[in-house]
Amino acid sequence: MANCNKLFLDFNTNISLVKKQVDALIKSRKAVEATIVKYFKENTTLSVPKFWIQGSYIMKTLVIKKDGTYDVDLGVYFMDKPEVEAKTVQNYVKLALKDQTGTTPEHRQRCVRVIYAGDYNIDLPVYYKLNEDDHPFIAVKDNGWEESDPINLKKWFEDKKDSNGQLCRIVKYLKVWADKLNFKAPSGIALSVWAANNYVENEREDVAFLNVLKAIKLEIGTDCNCLNPESPFDDLTTRLDATQKEKFVTALTSIIDDGELAIDSDNQLEASKKWRAHLGKDRFPEGKDEDVDAKLELLNAAKSVVLGGSAKLNKEGEIQTAQGINHKPHKNYGG
């Protein structure tokens, strides 16, 4: 089988933020928080909110999208119920941030979006939570306050994670694949829940990813529904219509078929071409034109004879046991 484990790990690096991007994001987040606090103190009678980073950033599943940008969620939390409508509180947040960047903030249904053009967006969902409430309530522009608990969802996801971060990486692979589709795909949260529900750790990234894809297909069938495991326990795919769901299942079948061909291939280059078609030729690395598994077996065999003291070196410089001069012992076995 064509082992693409390292190619996937390199792919993860290519779709992840570097330190410079993280530092810029932290600086912007702190500036946004300070601006909002100042505005609410000076221009409203409402309490000053608190803030929680949430979503993919805190879950460690944030990816750079195909256009080079990324989104971060910064929850704006009130510890009492505002005495104005939900959309009014959202609008206060928008007004507070009207001069934060060179682009006017967007007042979306479930958040206010601050746009740092060409770099990233900071989405600011607004919540309130009373001491006696089990869960927070999110402001929805046209529907008032609705129960929603991203903090508990993050805790649920944390309980599913493995120790070496493979589940998080698989979610990132899913997000990049979905972002590349030419139609509206399920949200990152839906993909995260599906992945967490179906993840089984594997020493190889490509095998683990393919197994999750296949398990997701079995779980969703043709309905393509995703139940939120936390409040409000809603279907996370309700924003998709029947045609979009059908296209998603078709796309899922396609990457599974190519993934199986990639795993079964004897040539890493040919296997990588299958993955690159779905994950992006610009970011998924091209493999070597060789059977990397067979090469690894030879290296392991050479390591065994060196460690066993029976190694000989022939005229071609090859390590074997049949003929040649005795191989001098050393400690650098490459293992």
Protein backbone atom coordinates (compact mmCIF):
# COMPACT_ATOMS: atom_id res chain seq x y z
CA MET A 1 0.00 0.00 0.00
CA ALA A 2 1.17 3.56 -0.76
CA ASN A 3 1.85 5.12 2.61
CA CYS A 4 0.87 8.82 2.51
CA ASN A 5 1.13 9.41 6.24
CA LYS A 6 3.86 12.05 6.02
CA LEU A 7 2.13 13.77 3.10
CA PHE A 8 -0.96 14.26 5.27
CA LEU A 9 1.11 15.60 8.15
CA ASP A 10 2.80 18.07 5.78
CA PHE A 11 -0.65 18.96 4.43
CA ASN A 12 -1.77 19.75 7.97
CA THR A 13 1.13 22.19 8.28
CA ASN A 14 0.15 23.84 5.00
CA ILE A 15 -3.45 24.49 6.10
CA SER A 16 -2.62 25.66 9.65
CA LEU A 17 -1.78 29.10 11.02
CA VAL A 18 1.85 30.05 11.58
CA LYS A 19 2.99 31.95 14.68
CA LYS A 20 2.92 35.33 12.90
CA GLN A 21 -0.76 34.81 12.03
CA VAL A 22 -1.64 33.69 15.55
CA ASP A 23 0.10 36.73 17.05
CA ALA A 24 -1.79 39.11 14.72
CA LEU A 25 -5.06 37.41 15.58
CA ILE A 26 -4.47 37.71 19.32
CA LYS A 27 -3.64 41.40 18.95
CA SER A 28 -6.83 42.03 16.95
CA ARG A 29 -8.95 40.06 19.40
CA LYS A 30 -7.72 42.10 22.36
CA ALA A 31 -8.36 45.34 20.46
CA VAL A 32 -11.90 44.24 19.60
CA GLU A 33 -12.64 43.38 23.22
CA ALA A 34 -11.34 46.74 24.44
CA THR A 35 -13.41 48.63 21.85
CA ILE A 36 -16.61 46.82 22.80
CA VAL A 37 -16.08 47.34 26.53
CA LYS A 38 -15.48 51.06 25.99
CA TYR A 39 -18.57 51.44 23.81
CA PHE A 40 -20.93 49.69 26.22
CA LYS A 41 -19.62 51.70 29.17
CA GLU A 42 -19.98 55.04 27.39
CA ASN A 43 -22.98 54.59 25.09
CA THR A 44 -25.43 52.11 26.61
CA THR A 45 -27.11 51.32 29.91
CA LEU A 46 -26.36 47.62 29.49
CA SER A 47 -23.78 45.76 31.55
CA VAL A 48 -20.28 45.30 30.22
CA PRO A 49 -19.95 41.90 28.52
CA LYS A 50 -17.34 39.20 29.00
CA PHE A 51 -15.61 37.35 26.17
CA TRP A 52 -14.82 33.73 25.32
CA ILE A 53 -12.85 32.46 22.33
CA GLN A 54 -14.85 29.56 20.95
CA GLY A 55 -15.34 27.47 17.84
CA SER A 56 -12.55 26.02 15.71
CA TYR A 57 -9.75 28.13 17.18
CA ILE A 58 -10.21 26.87 20.72
CA MET A 59 -11.02 23.34 19.45
CA LYS A 60 -7.72 23.35 17.48
CA THR A 61 -9.49 22.65 14.18
CA LEU A 62 -9.01 26.05 12.54
CA VAL A 63 -7.91 25.94 8.89
CA ILE A 64 -6.88 28.43 6.26
CA LYS A 65 -9.53 28.42 3.54
CA LYS A 66 -8.86 28.18 -0.20
CA ASP A 67 -8.94 32.00 -0.50
CA GLY A 68 -6.23 32.30 2.16
CA THR A 69 -8.53 33.63 4.90
CA TYR A 70 -9.86 32.10 8.12
CA ASP A 71 -12.66 32.75 10.61
CA VAL A 72 -12.46 33.02 14.40
CA ASP A 73 -15.39 33.09 16.85
CA LEU A 74 -15.28 35.46 19.83
CA GLY A 75 -18.36 35.07 22.01
CA VAL A 76 -19.75 38.24 23.63
CA TYR A 77 -21.46 37.17 26.88
CA PHE A 78 -23.79 39.16 29.13
CA MET A 79 -24.34 37.82 32.63
CA ASP A 80 -27.83 39.31 32.76
CA LYS A 81 -30.61 39.45 30.17
CA PRO A 82 -30.35 42.69 28.18
CA GLU A 83 -33.46 44.89 28.43
CA VAL A 84 -33.51 45.39 24.67
CA GLU A 85 -34.15 43.09 21.71
CA ALA A 86 -31.51 40.59 20.65
CA LYS A 87 -30.90 42.32 17.31
CA THR A 88 -30.45 45.65 19.15
CA VAL A 89 -27.60 44.20 21.21
CA GLN A 90 -26.06 42.85 18.02
CA ASN A 91 -26.37 46.29 16.49
CA TYR A 92 -24.62 47.86 19.48
CA VAL A 93 -21.70 45.51 18.87
CA LYS A 94 -21.70 46.48 15.20
CA LEU A 95 -21.74 50.20 16.06
CA ALA A 96 -18.91 49.73 18.54
CA LEU A 97 -16.75 48.20 15.84
CA LYS A 98 -17.72 50.38 12.86
CA ASP A 99 -14.23 51.90 12.65
CA GLN A 100 -12.26 48.86 13.81
CA THR A 101 -11.06 48.03 10.29
CA GLY A 102 -11.33 49.60 6.85
CA THR A 103 -14.38 47.44 6.10
CA THR A 104 -17.84 47.97 7.61
CA PRO A 105 -18.81 45.12 9.96
CA GLU A 106 -21.54 42.77 8.76
CA HIS A 107 -24.70 42.24 10.83
CA ARG A 108 -25.40 38.57 10.18
CA GLN A 109 -28.19 36.41 11.58
CA ARG A 110 -26.18 34.88 14.44
CA CYS A 111 -23.16 37.16 14.74
CA VAL A 112 -21.49 40.44 13.86
CA ARG A 113 -18.54 39.89 11.54
CA VAL A 114 -15.48 42.14 11.65
CA ILE A 115 -13.50 41.81 8.43
CA TYR A 116 -9.73 42.10 8.22
CA ALA A 117 -9.61 42.10 4.43
CA GLY A 118 -7.43 39.41 2.90
CA ASP A 119 -6.52 37.94 6.28
CA TYR A 120 -9.29 36.83 8.62
CA ASN A 121 -12.74 37.51 10.02
CA ILE A 122 -13.67 37.75 13.68
CA ASP A 123 -17.25 36.58 14.20
CA LEU A 124 -18.92 37.90 17.34
CA PRO A 125 -22.03 35.95 18.41
CA VAL A 126 -23.86 37.62 21.32
CA TYR A 127 -25.16 35.64 24.32
CA TYR A 128 -26.69 36.11 27.72
CA LYS A 129 -26.72 33.63 30.59
CA LEU A 130 -28.32 33.97 34.02
CA ASN A 131 -27.02 32.07 37.02
CA GLU A 132 -30.12 29.91 37.08
CA ASP A 133 -29.88 29.04 33.37
CA ASP A 134 -28.42 25.69 32.36
CA HIS A 135 -27.35 27.05 29.00
CA PRO A 136 -26.66 30.42 27.34
CA PHE A 137 -28.99 32.07 24.83
CA ILE A 138 -27.67 33.41 21.53
CA ALA A 139 -28.98 36.55 19.81
CA VAL A 140 -30.51 35.76 16.42
CA LYS A 141 -31.20 38.79 14.27
CA ASP A 142 -34.74 37.90 13.19
CA ASN A 143 -35.70 35.41 15.90
CA GLY A 144 -34.75 36.93 19.25
CA TRP A 145 -32.90 34.76 21.77
CA GLU A 146 -32.37 31.03 21.17
CA GLU A 147 -30.75 28.47 23.46
CA SER A 148 -27.21 27.56 22.36
CA ASP A 149 -24.19 26.20 24.22
CA PRO A 150 -20.88 26.30 22.31
CA ILE A 151 -18.88 25.95 25.53
CA ASN A 152 -20.45 22.57 26.34
CA LEU A 153 -20.02 21.53 22.70
CA LYS A 154 -16.32 22.25 23.02
CA LYS A 155 -16.19 20.13 26.21
CA TRP A 156 -17.99 17.30 24.38
CA PHE A 157 -15.43 17.44 21.57
CA GLU A 158 -12.54 17.51 24.05
CA ASP A 159 -13.75 14.23 25.55
CA LYS A 160 -13.55 12.62 22.09
CA LYS A 161 -10.00 13.76 21.29
CA ASP A 162 -6.97 11.49 21.25
CA SER A 163 -3.64 12.33 22.85
CA ASN A 164 -1.69 13.01 19.64
CA GLY A 165 -4.19 15.36 17.97
CA GLN A 166 -5.19 13.07 15.11
CA LEU A 167 -8.93 13.74 15.46
CA CYS A 168 -8.32 17.48 15.23
CA ARG A 169 -6.23 17.00 12.10
CA ILE A 170 -8.91 14.84 10.50
CA VAL A 171 -11.51 17.54 11.14
CA LYS A 172 -9.17 20.01 9.42
CA TYR A 173 -8.81 17.69 6.41
CA LEU A 174 -12.61 17.44 6.22
CA LYS A 175 -13.00 21.21 6.37
CA VAL A 176 -10.50 21.84 3.58
CA TRP A 177 -12.18 19.19 1.43
CA ALA A 178 -15.64 20.68 2.06
CA ASP A 179 -14.35 24.21 1.36
CA LYS A 180 -13.15 23.02 -2.05
CA LEU A 181 -16.59 21.74 -3.09
CA ASN A 182 -18.46 23.92 -5.59
CA PHE A 183 -21.71 23.99 -3.60
CA LYS A 184 -22.83 24.80 -0.07
CA ALA A 185 -21.52 22.03 2.19
CA PRO A 186 -22.25 21.16 5.84
CA SER A 187 -20.80 23.54 8.42
CA GLY A 188 -17.51 23.02 10.18
CA ILE A 189 -19.39 22.15 13.36
CA ALA A 190 -21.35 19.41 11.58
CA LEU A 191 -18.14 18.00 10.11
CA SER A 192 -16.52 18.10 13.56
CA VAL A 193 -19.42 16.23 15.17
CA TRP A 194 -19.49 13.59 12.43
CA ALA A 195 -15.72 13.10 12.70
CA ALA A 196 -15.81 12.83 16.51
CA ASN A 197 -18.66 10.33 16.34
CA ASN A 198 -16.75 8.09 13.94
CA TYR A 199 -13.07 8.51 14.76
CA VAL A 200 -10.84 5.53 15.48
CA GLU A 201 -7.13 6.20 16.04
CA ASN A 202 -4.70 4.77 13.48
CA GLU A 203 -0.91 5.01 13.13
CA ARG A 204 -1.42 6.25 9.56
CA GLU A 205 -3.17 9.55 8.80
CA ASP A 206 -4.41 8.48 5.37
CA VAL A 207 -5.99 5.29 6.72
CA ALA A 208 -7.57 7.11 9.69
CA PHE A 209 -8.99 9.80 7.39
CA LEU A 210 -10.43 7.27 4.94
CA ASN A 211 -11.97 5.24 7.78
CA VAL A 212 -13.70 8.35 9.14
CA LEU A 213 -15.02 9.24 5.68
CA LYS A 214 -16.47 5.76 5.23
CA ALA A 215 -18.00 5.74 8.72
CA ILE A 216 -19.59 9.16 8.17
CA LYS A 217 -21.21 7.91 4.97
CA LEU A 218 -22.66 4.94 6.84
CA GLU A 219 -23.94 7.21 9.62
CA ILE A 220 -25.68 9.81 7.47
CA GLY A 221 -27.07 7.52 4.77
CA THR A 222 -29.08 9.60 2.31
CA ASP A 223 -30.63 11.88 4.96
CA CYS A 224 -27.38 13.70 5.70
CA ASN A 225 -28.52 14.84 9.15
CA CYS A 226 -26.24 15.77 12.06
CA LEU A 227 -27.67 15.95 15.57
CA ASN A 228 -26.03 18.52 17.82
CA PRO A 229 -24.82 16.56 20.89
CA GLU A 230 -25.32 19.64 23.11
CA SER A 231 -28.04 22.23 23.67
CA PRO A 232 -30.25 22.91 21.78
CA PHE A 233 -29.80 19.38 20.31
CA ASP A 234 -30.82 20.61 16.87
CA ASP A 235 -29.98 19.30 13.41
CA LEU A 236 -26.77 21.03 12.30
CA THR A 237 -27.60 20.54 8.61
CA THR A 238 -30.97 22.32 8.48
CA ARG A 239 -29.50 25.17 6.40
CA LEU A 240 -28.88 22.76 3.53
CA ASP A 241 -31.61 21.91 1.04
CA ALA A 242 -32.24 18.44 -0.37
CA THR A 243 -30.14 19.08 -3.49
CA GLN A 244 -27.13 20.27 -1.47
CA LYS A 245 -27.36 17.22 0.80
CA GLU A 246 -27.55 14.92 -2.22
CA LYS A 247 -24.48 16.59 -3.75
CA PHE A 248 -22.61 16.22 -0.49
CA VAL A 249 -23.27 12.47 -0.31
CA THR A 250 -22.13 12.15 -3.94
CA ALA A 251 -18.93 14.09 -3.18
CA LEU A 252 -18.36 11.94 -0.09
CA THR A 253 -18.67 8.79 -2.20
CA SER A 254 -16.18 10.21 -4.70
CA ILE A 255 -13.43 10.95 -2.18
CA ILE A 256 -13.98 7.55 -0.53
CA ASP A 257 -13.59 5.77 -3.88
CA ASP A 258 -10.40 7.68 -4.70
CA GLY A 259 -9.13 7.26 -1.15
CA GLU A 260 -9.45 3.49 -1.41
CA LEU A 261 -7.55 3.53 -4.72
CA ALA A 262 -4.85 5.66 -3.07
CA ILE A 263 -4.50 3.31 -0.11
CA ASP A 264 -4.35 0.26 -2.40
CA SER A 265 -1.78 1.81 -4.76
CA ASP A 266 1.85 0.67 -4.70
CA ASN A 267 3.11 4.08 -5.80
CA GLN A 268 3.05 7.11 -3.50
CA LEU A 269 3.02 9.59 -6.41
CA GLU A 270 -0.09 7.99 -7.91
CA ALA A 271 -1.73 7.83 -4.48
CA SER A 272 -1.01 11.49 -3.81
CA LYS A 273 -2.67 12.46 -7.11
CA LYS A 274 -5.92 10.89 -5.86
CA TRP A 275 -5.80 12.87 -2.61
CA ARG A 276 -4.70 16.10 -4.32
CA ALA A 277 -7.76 16.01 -6.59
CA HIS A 278 -9.98 16.39 -3.51
CA LEU A 279 -7.78 18.29 -1.04
CA GLY A 280 -6.06 20.74 -3.38
CA LYS A 281 -3.03 20.50 -5.65
CA ASP A 282 -1.72 23.76 -4.23
CA ARG A 283 -1.48 22.49 -0.64
CA PHE A 284 -1.49 18.70 -0.59
CA PRO A 285 2.10 17.53 -1.32
CA GLU A 286 3.03 15.40 -4.29
CA GLY A 287 4.39 11.99 -3.35
CA LYS A 288 7.51 10.18 -4.51
CA ASP A 289 7.43 8.02 -7.64
CA GLU A 290 8.21 4.84 -5.71
CA ASP A 291 6.81 2.15 -3.47
CA VAL A 292 7.58 3.80 -0.13
CA ASP A 293 6.29 0.81 1.84
CA ALA A 294 8.69 -1.56 0.10
CA LYS A 295 11.54 0.89 0.65
CA LEU A 296 10.70 1.10 4.34
CA GLU A 297 10.69 -2.68 4.61
CA LEU A 298 14.21 -2.81 3.12
CA LEU A 299 15.42 -0.15 5.56
CA ASN A 300 13.91 -2.01 8.49
CA ALA A 301 15.50 -5.25 7.30
CA ALA A 302 18.88 -3.52 7.07
CA LYS A 303 18.40 -2.10 10.53
CA SER A 304 17.66 -5.57 11.90
CA VAL A 305 20.80 -7.17 10.54
CA VAL A 306 22.96 -4.26 11.72
CA LEU A 307 21.52 -4.50 15.22
CA GLY A 308 21.90 -8.28 15.15
CA GLY A 309 25.62 -8.06 14.29
CA SER A 310 25.33 -10.16 11.11
CA ALA A 311 25.51 -7.31 8.59
CA LYS A 312 27.97 -7.41 5.68
CA LEU A 313 28.73 -4.72 3.12
CA ASN A 314 29.09 -5.78 -0.54
CA LYS A 315 30.93 -3.98 -3.35
CA GLU A 316 27.83 -1.95 -4.20
CA GLY A 317 27.64 -0.62 -0.65
CA GLU A 318 24.53 -2.62 0.14
CA ILE A 319 23.92 -4.05 3.60
CA GLN A 320 23.05 -7.77 3.56
CA THR A 321 24.08 -11.03 5.24
CA ALA A 322 25.24 -13.25 2.38
CA GLN A 323 28.58 -11.81 1.23
CA GLY A 324 31.02 -8.95 1.67
CA ILE A 325 33.07 -7.54 4.49
CA ASN A 326 31.71 -7.33 8.01
CA HIS A 327 29.78 -4.14 8.63
CA LYS A 328 31.37 -2.09 11.38
CA PRO A 329 29.04 -1.57 14.38
CA HIS A 330 27.72 1.93 15.01
CA LYS A 331 24.98 3.64 16.96
CA ASN A 332 23.27 5.62 14.21
CA TYR A 333 20.64 3.16 13.07
CA GLY A 334 18.12 5.66 11.73
CA GLY A 335 15.34 4.18 13.80
